[in-house]
Amino acid sequence: MPDPRFANDPFQGVTLEMIVTRLVAHYGWQEMGSRINIRCFNFDPSVKSSLKFLRKTPWARTKVEELYLHYLWVTAEKSKTDAETEKPETPEAPESTAGP
């Protein structure tokens, strides 16, 4: 049974590499570099160089984690909106075969 102390922790079981990879897949390097102006996102970006920098720079890591939380919120809201806008298919009423 999972530990209830960590039930609402969005970082539980998620590595920094997973965070960076998901953000890059969602936003792309250019958008990440405009949202968080750090050299490893703007000049010859790679996951490896970003991880090296983020592990040594707490303020930058905090900004990336905040962006990840925003990403989680946006994707959760989008899922919720998509689920609300989907209309269940209603079967058409069968045509009556009885004559006059």
Protein backbone atom coordinates (compact mmCIF):
# COMPACT_ATOMS: atom_id res chain seq x y z
CA MET A 1 0.00 0.00 0.00
CA PRO A 2 1.43 3.42 -0.92
CA ASP A 3 2.55 5.70 1.88
CA PRO A 4 -0.26 8.29 2.38
CA ARG A 5 2.29 10.99 3.25
CA PHE A 6 3.37 11.03 -0.39
CA ALA A 7 -0.03 10.57 -2.05
CA ASN A 8 -0.23 14.20 -3.22
CA ASP A 9 3.46 14.68 -4.04
CA PRO A 10 3.76 15.25 -7.80
CA PHE A 11 7.51 14.60 -7.64
CA GLN A 12 7.18 11.18 -6.01
CA GLY A 13 8.87 8.65 -8.28
CA VAL A 14 9.74 11.28 -10.90
CA THR A 15 13.40 11.97 -11.65
CA LEU A 16 14.82 15.27 -12.81
CA GLU A 17 15.60 13.63 -16.14
CA MET A 18 11.95 12.60 -16.53
CA ILE A 19 10.85 16.16 -15.73
CA VAL A 20 13.19 17.74 -18.28
CA THR A 21 12.30 15.16 -20.94
CA ARG A 22 8.54 15.68 -20.46
CA LEU A 23 8.89 19.45 -20.55
CA VAL A 24 10.98 19.34 -23.72
CA ALA A 25 8.45 17.02 -25.35
CA HIS A 26 5.61 19.37 -24.42
CA TYR A 27 7.18 22.83 -24.86
CA GLY A 28 10.33 22.28 -26.94
CA TRP A 29 13.75 23.79 -26.18
CA GLN A 30 12.94 27.20 -27.65
CA GLU A 31 9.83 27.69 -25.50
CA MET A 32 11.60 26.39 -22.40
CA GLY A 33 14.45 28.83 -23.04
CA SER A 34 12.01 31.71 -23.30
CA ARG A 35 10.18 30.67 -20.13
CA ILE A 36 13.36 30.00 -18.16
CA ASN A 37 16.27 32.01 -19.51
CA ILE A 38 19.22 29.73 -18.82
CA ARG A 39 22.06 29.00 -21.20
CA CYS A 40 21.60 25.22 -21.25
CA PHE A 41 18.10 25.71 -22.73
CA ASN A 42 19.08 28.38 -25.26
CA PHE A 43 22.50 27.40 -26.64
CA ASP A 44 23.10 23.88 -27.94
CA PRO A 45 20.48 22.40 -25.58
CA SER A 46 20.52 18.79 -24.48
CA VAL A 47 19.04 16.82 -21.63
CA LYS A 48 22.52 15.88 -20.43
CA SER A 49 23.82 19.46 -20.22
CA SER A 50 20.58 20.63 -18.63
CA LEU A 51 20.72 17.95 -15.95
CA LYS A 52 24.33 18.80 -15.15
CA PHE A 53 23.47 22.49 -14.73
CA LEU A 54 20.19 21.95 -12.85
CA ARG A 55 21.78 19.59 -10.33
CA LYS A 56 24.35 22.27 -9.44
CA THR A 57 22.03 25.29 -9.50
CA PRO A 58 19.16 25.19 -7.00
CA TRP A 59 17.39 28.35 -8.24
CA ALA A 60 17.25 27.01 -11.80
CA ARG A 61 16.04 23.61 -10.64
CA THR A 62 13.30 25.31 -8.65
CA LYS A 63 12.15 27.19 -11.77
CA VAL A 64 12.09 23.94 -13.78
CA GLU A 65 10.09 22.22 -11.03
CA GLU A 66 7.63 25.12 -10.98
CA LEU A 67 7.23 24.86 -14.76
CA TYR A 68 6.65 21.11 -14.37
CA LEU A 69 3.90 21.77 -11.81
CA HIS A 70 2.33 24.24 -14.24
CA TYR A 71 2.59 21.63 -17.01
CA LEU A 72 0.84 19.05 -14.79
CA TRP A 73 -1.92 21.52 -13.95
CA VAL A 74 -2.44 22.52 -17.60
CA THR A 75 -2.57 18.92 -18.81
CA ALA A 76 -4.97 17.96 -15.99
CA GLU A 77 -7.24 20.90 -16.83
CA LYS A 78 -7.14 20.01 -20.53
CA SER A 79 -8.07 16.41 -19.74
CA LYS A 80 -10.93 17.58 -17.57
CA THR A 81 -12.19 19.97 -20.26
CA ASP A 82 -11.89 17.31 -22.95
CA ALA A 83 -13.86 14.86 -20.83
CA GLU A 84 -16.60 17.43 -20.20
CA THR A 85 -16.96 18.39 -23.86
CA GLU A 86 -17.23 14.82 -25.11
CA LYS A 87 -20.85 13.94 -25.58
CA PRO A 88 -21.85 10.34 -25.11
CA GLU A 89 -23.30 8.85 -28.24
CA THR A 90 -27.04 8.43 -28.01
CA PRO A 91 -28.48 5.62 -30.02
CA GLU A 92 -30.99 6.64 -32.62
CA ALA A 93 -34.53 5.58 -32.03
CA PRO A 94 -35.37 2.51 -34.10
CA GLU A 95 -37.64 3.16 -37.01
CA SER A 96 -41.10 1.78 -36.63
CA THR A 97 -41.87 -1.05 -39.03
CA ALA A 98 -45.57 -1.14 -38.26
CA GLY A 99 -47.75 0.13 -41.09
CA PRO A 100 -51.04 2.03 -41.02
